[in-house]
C-alpha cells in the first residue's frame, strides 16, 4: 500500500488547492458578483478529490503505522483550509523518514 503514498500526496495537494480556489476565488465571485459559474466549475472536482483523499487516507493509514489519533488528524485536516498542506509537511514527507 505504500505504493499509494505518492498518489496520495498528489491527491492531498490537489484537494487542498481546489479547496483554496473554491473558498478564495469562486465563493467571493459568487457572493459579490452574483456569478455562480466558478463554484459550479470547481465544486465537483473538489468533491471528488475530497472523497478520494478520505478513502486513500484510510487505506494507507495502517501501512504508515498511524495511530487512530493521527488518522483523525489527517481526516479533519481535509476540511480545514491549508490543512492538507500541513499533513503533507508533517505526515507525508518521506525525506524525514529514517
PDB file of N, CA and C in Angstrom:
ATOM      1  N   UNK A   1       0.809  -1.204   0.000  1.00  0.00           N
ATOM      2  CA  UNK A   1       0.000   0.000   0.000  1.00  0.00           C
ATOM      3  C   UNK A   1       0.848   1.263   0.000  1.00  0.00           C
ATOM      4  N   UNK A   2       2.119   1.145   0.411  1.00  0.00           N
ATOM      5  CA  UNK A   2       2.962   2.330   0.388  1.00  0.00           C
ATOM      6  C   UNK A   2       3.200   2.817  -1.036  1.00  0.00           C
ATOM      7  N   UNK A   3       2.880   1.979  -2.004  1.00  0.00           N
ATOM      8  CA  UNK A   3       2.957   2.427  -3.386  1.00  0.00           C
ATOM      9  C   UNK A   3       1.907   3.499  -3.663  1.00  0.00           C
ATOM     10  N   UNK A   4       0.891   3.556  -2.827  1.00  0.00           N
ATOM     11  CA  UNK A   4      -0.148   4.575  -2.961  1.00  0.00           C
ATOM     12  C   UNK A   4       0.273   5.923  -2.383  1.00  0.00           C
ATOM     13  N   UNK A   5       1.346   5.946  -1.620  1.00  0.00           N
ATOM     14  CA  UNK A   5       1.759   7.191  -0.967  1.00  0.00           C
ATOM     15  C   UNK A   5       2.033   8.323  -1.956  1.00  0.00           C
ATOM     16  N   UNK A   6       2.776   8.101  -3.044  1.00  0.00           N
ATOM     17  CA  UNK A   6       2.971   9.212  -3.993  1.00  0.00           C
ATOM     18  C   UNK A   6       1.655   9.713  -4.598  1.00  0.00           C
ATOM     19  N   UNK A   7       0.745   8.795  -4.857  1.00  0.00           N
ATOM     20  CA  UNK A   7      -0.565   9.184  -5.392  1.00  0.00           C
ATOM     21  C   UNK A   7      -1.344   9.968  -4.339  1.00  0.00           C
ATOM     22  N   UNK A   8      -1.284   9.513  -3.093  1.00  0.00           N
ATOM     23  CA  UNK A   8      -1.978  10.214  -2.017  1.00  0.00           C
ATOM     24  C   UNK A   8      -1.415  11.622  -1.832  1.00  0.00           C
ATOM     25  N   UNK A   9      -0.119  11.770  -1.951  1.00  0.00           N
ATOM     26  CA  UNK A   9       0.486  13.100  -1.817  1.00  0.00           C
ATOM     27  C   UNK A   9      -0.027  14.038  -2.910  1.00  0.00           C
ATOM     28  N   UNK A  10      -0.163  13.535  -4.116  1.00  0.00           N
ATOM     29  CA  UNK A  10      -0.686  14.343  -5.222  1.00  0.00           C
ATOM     30  C   UNK A  10      -2.150  14.699  -4.972  1.00  0.00           C
ATOM     31  N   UNK A  11      -2.925  13.701  -4.546  1.00  0.00           N
ATOM     32  CA  UNK A  11      -4.342  13.944  -4.257  1.00  0.00           C
ATOM     33  C   UNK A  11      -4.483  14.960  -3.129  1.00  0.00           C
ATOM     34  N   UNK A  12      -3.665  14.839  -2.091  1.00  0.00           N
ATOM     35  CA  UNK A  12      -3.727  15.787  -0.969  1.00  0.00           C
ATOM     36  C   UNK A  12      -3.427  17.205  -1.445  1.00  0.00           C
ATOM     37  N   UNK A  13      -2.422  17.345  -2.307  1.00  0.00           N
ATOM     38  CA  UNK A  13      -2.083  18.667  -2.830  1.00  0.00           C
ATOM     39  C   UNK A  13      -3.230  19.232  -3.666  1.00  0.00           C
ATOM     40  N   UNK A  14      -3.754  18.415  -4.579  1.00  0.00           N
ATOM     41  CA  UNK A  14      -4.834  18.884  -5.453  1.00  0.00           C
ATOM     42  C   UNK A  14      -6.105  19.180  -4.674  1.00  0.00           C
ATOM     43  N   UNK A  15      -6.397  18.371  -3.666  1.00  0.00           N
ATOM     44  CA  UNK A  15      -7.588  18.619  -2.840  1.00  0.00           C
ATOM     45  C   UNK A  15      -7.438  19.936  -2.092  1.00  0.00           C
ATOM     46  N   UNK A  16      -6.271  20.166  -1.525  1.00  0.00           N
ATOM     47  CA  UNK A  16      -6.029  21.420  -0.818  1.00  0.00           C
ATOM     48  C   UNK A  16      -6.080  22.618  -1.745  1.00  0.00           C
ATOM     49  N   UNK A  17      -5.497  22.484  -2.925  1.00  0.00           N
ATOM     50  CA  UNK A  17      -5.512  23.568  -3.900  1.00  0.00           C
ATOM     51  C   UNK A  17      -6.931  23.873  -4.372  1.00  0.00           C
ATOM     52  N   UNK A  18      -7.696  22.832  -4.660  1.00  0.00           N
ATOM     53  CA  UNK A  18      -9.071  23.051  -5.116  1.00  0.00           C
ATOM     54  C   UNK A  18      -9.920  23.706  -4.022  1.00  0.00           C
ATOM     55  N   UNK A  19      -9.656  23.357  -2.768  1.00  0.00           N
ATOM     56  CA  UNK A  19     -10.389  23.950  -1.652  1.00  0.00           C
ATOM     57  C   UNK A  19     -10.062  25.436  -1.509  1.00  0.00           C
ATOM     58  N   UNK A  20      -8.788  25.770  -1.620  1.00  0.00           N
ATOM     59  CA  UNK A  20      -8.362  27.168  -1.529  1.00  0.00           C
ATOM     60  C   UNK A  20      -8.958  27.976  -2.687  1.00  0.00           C
ATOM     61  N   UNK A  21      -8.924  27.425  -3.892  1.00  0.00           N
ATOM     62  CA  UNK A  21      -9.511  28.117  -5.042  1.00  0.00           C
ATOM     63  C   UNK A  21     -11.021  28.293  -4.874  1.00  0.00           C
ATOM     64  N   UNK A  22     -11.664  27.267  -4.348  1.00  0.00           N
ATOM     65  CA  UNK A  22     -13.109  27.338  -4.132  1.00  0.00           C
ATOM     66  C   UNK A  22     -13.455  28.405  -3.101  1.00  0.00           C
ATOM     67  N   UNK A  23     -12.755  28.386  -1.967  1.00  0.00           N
ATOM     68  CA  UNK A  23     -13.048  29.354  -0.902  1.00  0.00           C
ATOM     69  C   UNK A  23     -12.517  30.752  -1.197  1.00  0.00           C
ATOM     70  N   UNK A  24     -11.362  30.821  -1.831  1.00  0.00           N
ATOM     71  CA  UNK A  24     -10.701  32.108  -2.007  1.00  0.00           C
ATOM     72  C   UNK A  24     -11.075  32.867  -3.263  1.00  0.00           C
ATOM     73  N   UNK A  25     -11.505  32.144  -4.283  1.00  0.00           N
ATOM     74  CA  UNK A  25     -11.815  32.811  -5.539  1.00  0.00           C
ATOM     75  C   UNK A  25     -13.274  32.588  -5.946  1.00  0.00           C
ATOM     76  N   UNK A  26     -13.684  31.330  -6.047  1.00  0.00           N
ATOM     77  CA  UNK A  26     -15.014  31.033  -6.575  1.00  0.00           C
ATOM     78  C   UNK A  26     -16.141  31.549  -5.681  1.00  0.00           C
ATOM     79  N   UNK A  27     -16.047  31.324  -4.385  1.00  0.00           N
ATOM     80  CA  UNK A  27     -17.118  31.783  -3.484  1.00  0.00           C
ATOM     81  C   UNK A  27     -17.223  33.308  -3.423  1.00  0.00           C
ATOM     82  N   UNK A  28     -16.109  34.036  -3.303  1.00  0.00           N
ATOM     83  CA  UNK A  28     -16.250  35.506  -3.342  1.00  0.00           C
ATOM     84  C   UNK A  28     -16.849  36.022  -4.651  1.00  0.00           C
ATOM     85  N   UNK A  29     -16.485  35.406  -5.771  1.00  0.00           N
ATOM     86  CA  UNK A  29     -17.078  35.813  -7.050  1.00  0.00           C
ATOM     87  C   UNK A  29     -18.584  35.548  -7.024  1.00  0.00           C
ATOM     88  N   UNK A  30     -18.965  34.415  -6.467  1.00  0.00           N
ATOM     89  CA  UNK A  30     -20.389  34.092  -6.376  1.00  0.00           C
ATOM     90  C   UNK A  30     -21.116  35.096  -5.478  1.00  0.00           C
ATOM     91  N   UNK A  31     -20.537  35.399  -4.327  1.00  0.00           N
ATOM     92  CA  UNK A  31     -21.208  36.280  -3.371  1.00  0.00           C
ATOM     93  C   UNK A  31     -21.243  37.730  -3.825  1.00  0.00           C
ATOM     94  N   UNK A  32     -20.104  38.241  -4.280  1.00  0.00           N
ATOM     95  CA  UNK A  32     -20.001  39.666  -4.573  1.00  0.00           C
ATOM     96  C   UNK A  32     -20.411  40.032  -6.001  1.00  0.00           C
ATOM     97  N   UNK A  33     -20.198  39.122  -6.941  1.00  0.00           N
ATOM     98  CA  UNK A  33     -20.528  39.413  -8.335  1.00  0.00           C
ATOM     99  C   UNK A  33     -21.752  38.635  -8.826  1.00  0.00           C
ATOM    100  N   UNK A  34     -22.339  37.856  -7.936  1.00  0.00           N
ATOM    101  CA  UNK A  34     -23.530  37.057  -8.251  1.00  0.00           C
ATOM    102  C   UNK A  34     -23.315  36.192  -9.500  1.00  0.00           C
ATOM    103  N   UNK A  35     -22.154  35.533  -9.524  1.00  0.00           N
ATOM    104  CA  UNK A  35     -21.797  34.688 -10.659  1.00  0.00           C
ATOM    105  C   UNK A  35     -21.388  33.302 -10.140  1.00  0.00           C
ATOM    106  N   UNK A  36     -22.313  32.349 -10.109  1.00  0.00           N
ATOM    107  CA  UNK A  36     -22.013  31.040  -9.520  1.00  0.00           C
ATOM    108  C   UNK A  36     -21.269  30.063 -10.428  1.00  0.00           C
ATOM    109  N   UNK A  37     -20.891  30.487 -11.629  1.00  0.00           N
ATOM    110  CA  UNK A  37     -20.291  29.528 -12.564  1.00  0.00           C
ATOM    111  C   UNK A  37     -18.983  28.928 -12.062  1.00  0.00           C
ATOM    112  N   UNK A  38     -18.189  29.698 -11.329  1.00  0.00           N
ATOM    113  CA  UNK A  38     -16.899  29.179 -10.849  1.00  0.00           C
ATOM    114  C   UNK A  38     -17.088  28.169  -9.715  1.00  0.00           C
ATOM    115  N   UNK A  39     -18.097  28.388  -8.896  1.00  0.00           N
ATOM    116  CA  UNK A  39     -18.405  27.405  -7.847  1.00  0.00           C
ATOM    117  C   UNK A  39     -18.859  26.101  -8.491  1.00  0.00           C
ATOM    118  N   UNK A  40     -19.672  26.206  -9.515  1.00  0.00           N
ATOM    119  CA  UNK A  40     -20.116  25.010 -10.234  1.00  0.00           C
ATOM    120  C   UNK A  40     -18.938  24.312 -10.912  1.00  0.00           C
ATOM    121  N   UNK A  41     -18.035  25.104 -11.447  1.00  0.00           N
ATOM    122  CA  UNK A  41     -16.876  24.558 -12.149  1.00  0.00           C
ATOM    123  C   UNK A  41     -15.905  23.851 -11.196  1.00  0.00           C
ATOM    124  N   UNK A  42     -15.653  24.435 -10.027  1.00  0.00           N
ATOM    125  CA  UNK A  42     -14.688  23.876  -9.075  1.00  0.00           C
ATOM    126  C   UNK A  42     -15.304  22.917  -8.055  1.00  0.00           C
ATOM    127  N   UNK A  43     -16.599  23.012  -7.856  1.00  0.00           N
ATOM    128  CA  UNK A  43     -17.248  22.223  -6.808  1.00  0.00           C
ATOM    129  C   UNK A  43     -17.149  20.725  -6.998  1.00  0.00           C
ATOM    130  N   UNK A  44     -17.485  20.249  -8.173  1.00  0.00           N
ATOM    131  CA  UNK A  44     -17.475  18.803  -8.438  1.00  0.00           C
ATOM    132  C   UNK A  44     -16.067  18.212  -8.359  1.00  0.00           C
ATOM    133  N   UNK A  45     -15.065  18.815  -9.023  1.00  0.00           N
ATOM    134  CA  UNK A  45     -13.715  18.247  -8.881  1.00  0.00           C
ATOM    135  C   UNK A  45     -13.238  18.243  -7.429  1.00  0.00           C
ATOM    136  N   UNK A  46     -13.543  19.310  -6.689  1.00  0.00           N
ATOM    137  CA  UNK A  46     -13.137  19.343  -5.282  1.00  0.00           C
ATOM    138  C   UNK A  46     -13.824  18.223  -4.500  1.00  0.00           C
ATOM    139  N   UNK A  47     -15.095  18.019  -4.729  1.00  0.00           N
ATOM    140  CA  UNK A  47     -15.823  16.955  -4.032  1.00  0.00           C
ATOM    141  C   UNK A  47     -15.257  15.577  -4.322  1.00  0.00           C
ATOM    142  N   UNK A  48     -14.921  15.338  -5.572  1.00  0.00           N
ATOM    143  CA  UNK A  48     -14.339  14.052  -5.951  1.00  0.00           C
ATOM    144  C   UNK A  48     -12.966  13.880  -5.313  1.00  0.00           C
ATOM    145  N   UNK A  49     -12.144  14.929  -5.362  1.00  0.00           N
ATOM    146  CA  UNK A  49     -10.822  14.863  -4.720  1.00  0.00           C
ATOM    147  C   UNK A  49     -10.937  14.656  -3.217  1.00  0.00           C
ATOM    148  N   UNK A  50     -11.919  15.284  -2.589  1.00  0.00           N
ATOM    149  CA  UNK A  50     -12.141  15.112  -1.153  1.00  0.00           C
ATOM    150  C   UNK A  50     -12.453  13.649  -0.825  1.00  0.00           C
ATOM    151  N   UNK A  51     -13.346  13.048  -1.593  1.00  0.00           N
ATOM    152  CA  UNK A  51     -13.705  11.649  -1.342  1.00  0.00           C
ATOM    153  C   UNK A  51     -12.514  10.719  -1.567  1.00  0.00           C
ATOM    154  N   UNK A  52     -11.734  10.970  -2.613  1.00  0.00           N
ATOM    155  CA  UNK A  52     -10.543  10.157  -2.876  1.00  0.00           C
ATOM    156  C   UNK A  52      -9.542  10.315  -1.731  1.00  0.00           C
ATOM    157  N   UNK A  53      -9.368  11.546  -1.255  1.00  0.00           N
ATOM    158  CA  UNK A  53      -8.451  11.823  -0.142  1.00  0.00           C
ATOM    159  C   UNK A  53      -8.840  11.006   1.090  1.00  0.00           C
ATOM    160  N   UNK A  54     -10.106  11.020   1.447  1.00  0.00           N
ATOM    161  CA  UNK A  54     -10.574  10.308   2.641  1.00  0.00           C
ATOM    162  C   UNK A  54     -10.357   8.800   2.491  1.00  0.00           C
ATOM    163  N   UNK A  55     -10.741   8.257   1.350  1.00  0.00           N
ATOM    164  CA  UNK A  55     -10.587   6.809   1.129  1.00  0.00           C
ATOM    165  C   UNK A  55      -9.108   6.423   1.157  1.00  0.00           C
ATOM    166  N   UNK A  56      -8.283   7.190   0.480  1.00  0.00           N
ATOM    167  CA  UNK A  56      -6.850   6.860   0.446  1.00  0.00           C
ATOM    168  C   UNK A  56      -6.204   7.010   1.819  1.00  0.00           C
ATOM    169  N   UNK A  57      -6.622   7.998   2.599  1.00  0.00           N
ATOM    170  CA  UNK A  57      -6.070   8.162   3.946  1.00  0.00           C
ATOM    171  C   UNK A  57      -6.358   6.930   4.787  1.00  0.00           C
ATOM    172  N   UNK A  58      -7.566   6.429   4.691  1.00  0.00           N
ATOM    173  CA  UNK A  58      -7.926   5.233   5.456  1.00  0.00           C
ATOM    174  C   UNK A  58      -7.129   4.024   4.954  1.00  0.00           C
ATOM    175  N   UNK A  59      -6.973   3.912   3.641  1.00  0.00           N
ATOM    176  CA  UNK A  59      -6.248   2.776   3.079  1.00  0.00           C
ATOM    177  C   UNK A  59      -4.772   2.753   3.473  1.00  0.00           C
ATOM    178  N   UNK A  60      -4.123   3.891   3.478  1.00  0.00           N
ATOM    179  CA  UNK A  60      -2.682   3.890   3.761  1.00  0.00           C
ATOM    180  C   UNK A  60      -2.366   4.050   5.250  1.00  0.00           C
ATOM    181  N   UNK A  61      -3.362   4.282   6.071  1.00  0.00           N
ATOM    182  CA  UNK A  61      -3.100   4.536   7.495  1.00  0.00           C
ATOM    183  C   UNK A  61      -2.388   3.377   8.186  1.00  0.00           C
ATOM    184  N   UNK A  62      -2.753   2.151   7.868  1.00  0.00           N
ATOM    185  CA  UNK A  62      -2.100   1.015   8.534  1.00  0.00           C
ATOM    186  C   UNK A  62      -0.661   0.848   8.065  1.00  0.00           C
ATOM    187  N   UNK A  63      -0.415   1.026   6.767  1.00  0.00           N
ATOM    188  CA  UNK A  63       0.949   0.910   6.254  1.00  0.00           C
ATOM    189  C   UNK A  63       1.855   2.016   6.771  1.00  0.00           C
ATOM    190  N   UNK A  64       1.271   3.180   7.012  1.00  0.00           N
ATOM    191  CA  UNK A  64       2.044   4.297   7.549  1.00  0.00           C
ATOM    192  C   UNK A  64       2.185   4.185   9.072  1.00  0.00           C
ATOM    193  N   UNK A  65       1.499   3.192   9.645  1.00  0.00           N
ATOM    194  CA  UNK A  65       1.518   2.958  11.094  1.00  0.00           C
ATOM    195  C   UNK A  65       1.010   4.181  11.874  1.00  0.00           C
ATOM    196  N   UNK A  66      -0.073   4.758  11.347  1.00  0.00           N
ATOM    197  CA  UNK A  66      -0.696   5.886  12.018  1.00  0.00           C
ATOM    198  C   UNK A  66      -1.583   5.380  13.142  1.00  0.00           C
ATOM    199  N   UNK A  67      -1.559   6.072  14.250  1.00  0.00           N
ATOM    200  CA  UNK A  67      -2.500   5.770  15.318  1.00  0.00           C
ATOM    201  C   UNK A  67      -3.871   6.277  14.899  1.00  0.00           C
ATOM    202  N   UNK A  68      -4.885   5.916  15.654  1.00  0.00           N
ATOM    203  CA  UNK A  68      -6.231   6.413  15.365  1.00  0.00           C
ATOM    204  C   UNK A  68      -6.274   7.934  15.440  1.00  0.00           C
ATOM    205  N   UNK A  69      -5.541   8.472  16.401  1.00  0.00           N
ATOM    206  CA  UNK A  69      -5.490   9.929  16.553  1.00  0.00           C
ATOM    207  C   UNK A  69      -4.887  10.585  15.308  1.00  0.00           C
ATOM    208  N   UNK A  70      -3.807  10.033  14.814  1.00  0.00           N
ATOM    209  CA  UNK A  70      -3.166  10.587  13.617  1.00  0.00           C
ATOM    210  C   UNK A  70      -4.093  10.500  12.417  1.00  0.00           C
ATOM    211  N   UNK A  71      -4.776   9.368  12.262  1.00  0.00           N
ATOM    212  CA  UNK A  71      -5.725   9.227  11.155  1.00  0.00           C
ATOM    213  C   UNK A  71      -6.808  10.290  11.252  1.00  0.00           C
ATOM    214  N   UNK A  72      -7.331  10.519  12.444  1.00  0.00           N
ATOM    215  CA  UNK A  72      -8.360  11.550  12.613  1.00  0.00           C
ATOM    216  C   UNK A  72      -7.816  12.934  12.285  1.00  0.00           C
ATOM    217  N   UNK A  73      -6.587  13.200  12.658  1.00  0.00           N
ATOM    218  CA  UNK A  73      -5.968  14.494  12.319  1.00  0.00           C
ATOM    219  C   UNK A  73      -5.881  14.645  10.802  1.00  0.00           C
ATOM    220  N   UNK A  74      -5.449  13.592  10.121  1.00  0.00           N
ATOM    221  CA  UNK A  74      -5.335  13.617   8.663  1.00  0.00           C
ATOM    222  C   UNK A  74      -6.710  13.838   8.029  1.00  0.00           C
ATOM    223  N   UNK A  75      -7.728  13.192   8.567  1.00  0.00           N
ATOM    224  CA  UNK A  75      -9.081  13.340   8.020  1.00  0.00           C
ATOM    225  C   UNK A  75      -9.662  14.726   8.301  1.00  0.00           C
ATOM    226  N   UNK A  76      -9.477  15.224   9.506  1.00  0.00           N
ATOM    227  CA  UNK A  76     -10.002  16.544   9.863  1.00  0.00           C
ATOM    228  C   UNK A  76      -9.299  17.639   9.060  1.00  0.00           C
ATOM    229  N   UNK A  77      -8.035  17.444   8.770  1.00  0.00           N
ATOM    230  CA  UNK A  77      -7.274  18.438   8.002  1.00  0.00           C
ATOM    231  C   UNK A  77      -7.869  18.665   6.617  1.00  0.00           C
ATOM    232  N   UNK A  78      -8.579  17.681   6.111  1.00  0.00           N
ATOM    233  CA  UNK A  78      -9.140  17.826   4.768  1.00  0.00           C
ATOM    234  C   UNK A  78     -10.286  18.832   4.715  1.00  0.00           C
ATOM    235  N   UNK A  79     -10.847  19.191   5.847  1.00  0.00           N
ATOM    236  CA  UNK A  79     -11.936  20.179   5.856  1.00  0.00           C
ATOM    237  C   UNK A  79     -11.459  21.548   6.331  1.00  0.00           C
ATOM    238  N   UNK A  80     -10.172  21.679   6.601  1.00  0.00           N
ATOM    239  CA  UNK A  80      -9.605  22.961   7.022  1.00  0.00           C
ATOM    240  C   UNK A  80      -8.810  23.569   5.867  1.00  0.00           C
ATOM    241  N   UNK A  81      -8.987  24.864   5.624  1.00  0.00           N
ATOM    242  CA  UNK A  81      -8.157  25.484   4.591  1.00  0.00           C
ATOM    243  C   UNK A  81      -6.668  25.313   4.933  1.00  0.00           C
ATOM    244  N   UNK A  82      -5.897  24.945   3.975  1.00  0.00           N
ATOM    245  CA  UNK A  82      -4.452  24.682   4.096  1.00  0.00           C
ATOM    246  C   UNK A  82      -4.144  23.443   4.937  1.00  0.00           C
ATOM    247  N   UNK A  83      -5.159  22.701   5.359  1.00  0.00           N
ATOM    248  CA  UNK A  83      -4.945  21.523   6.200  1.00  0.00           C
ATOM    249  C   UNK A  83      -4.169  20.422   5.513  1.00  0.00           C
ATOM    250  N   UNK A  84      -4.459  20.176   4.251  1.00  0.00           N
ATOM    251  CA  UNK A  84      -3.749  19.098   3.555  1.00  0.00           C
ATOM    252  C   UNK A  84      -2.285  19.450   3.325  1.00  0.00           C
ATOM    253  N   UNK A  85      -1.978  20.738   3.234  1.00  0.00           N
ATOM    254  CA  UNK A  85      -0.582  21.145   3.081  1.00  0.00           C
ATOM    255  C   UNK A  85       0.187  20.884   4.379  1.00  0.00           C
ATOM    256  N   UNK A  86      -0.466  21.075   5.510  1.00  0.00           N
ATOM    257  CA  UNK A  86       0.132  20.755   6.810  1.00  0.00           C
ATOM    258  C   UNK A  86       0.381  19.243   6.911  1.00  0.00           C
ATOM    259  N   UNK A  87      -0.586  18.453   6.492  1.00  0.00           N
ATOM    260  CA  UNK A  87      -0.449  16.993   6.537  1.00  0.00           C
ATOM    261  C   UNK A  87       0.705  16.544   5.658  1.00  0.00           C
ATOM    262  N   UNK A  88       0.825  17.143   4.494  1.00  0.00           N
ATOM    263  CA  UNK A  88       1.939  16.809   3.600  1.00  0.00           C
ATOM    264  C   UNK A  88       3.269  17.052   4.297  1.00  0.00           C
ATOM    265  N   UNK A  89       3.402  18.174   4.930  1.00  0.00           N
ATOM    266  CA  UNK A  89       4.661  18.538   5.595  1.00  0.00           C
ATOM    267  C   UNK A  89       4.928  17.664   6.826  1.00  0.00           C
ATOM    268  N   UNK A  90       3.888  17.436   7.621  1.00  0.00           N
ATOM    269  CA  UNK A  90       4.050  16.757   8.909  1.00  0.00           C
ATOM    270  C   UNK A  90       4.062  15.228   8.803  1.00  0.00           C
ATOM    271  N   UNK A  91       3.177  14.644   7.987  1.00  0.00           N
ATOM    272  CA  UNK A  91       2.998  13.196   7.999  1.00  0.00           C
ATOM    273  C   UNK A  91       3.391  12.479   6.703  1.00  0.00           C
ATOM    274  N   UNK A  92       3.446  13.184   5.589  1.00  0.00           N
ATOM    275  CA  UNK A  92       3.679  12.509   4.312  1.00  0.00           C
ATOM    276  C   UNK A  92       5.041  12.755   3.715  1.00  0.00           C
ATOM    277  N   UNK A  93       5.802  13.657   4.272  1.00  0.00           N
ATOM    278  CA  UNK A  93       7.114  13.990   3.733  1.00  0.00           C
ATOM    279  C   UNK A  93       8.070  12.826   3.981  1.00  0.00           C
ATOM    280  N   UNK A  94       8.401  12.104   2.928  1.00  0.00           N
ATOM    281  CA  UNK A  94       9.232  10.900   3.073  1.00  0.00           C
ATOM    282  C   UNK A  94      10.707  11.224   3.278  1.00  0.00           C
ATOM    283  N   UNK A  95      11.122  12.454   3.052  1.00  0.00           N
ATOM    284  CA  UNK A  95      12.535  12.784   3.254  1.00  0.00           C
ATOM    285  C   UNK A  95      12.885  12.803   4.729  1.00  0.00           C
ATOM    286  N   UNK A  96      11.873  12.936   5.615  1.00  0.00           N
ATOM    287  CA  UNK A  96      12.126  12.964   7.049  1.00  0.00           C
ATOM    288  C   UNK A  96      12.220  11.563   7.642  1.00  0.00           C
ATOM    289  N   UNK A  97      11.820  10.562   6.895  1.00  0.00           N
ATOM    290  CA  UNK A  97      11.769   9.197   7.420  1.00  0.00           C
ATOM    291  C   UNK A  97      13.169   8.600   7.538  1.00  0.00           C
ATOM    292  N   UNK A  98      13.346   7.807   8.585  1.00  0.00           N
ATOM    293  CA  UNK A  98      14.636   7.142   8.798  1.00  0.00           C
ATOM    294  C   UNK A  98      14.686   5.815   8.084  1.00  0.00           C
TER     295      UNK A  98
END
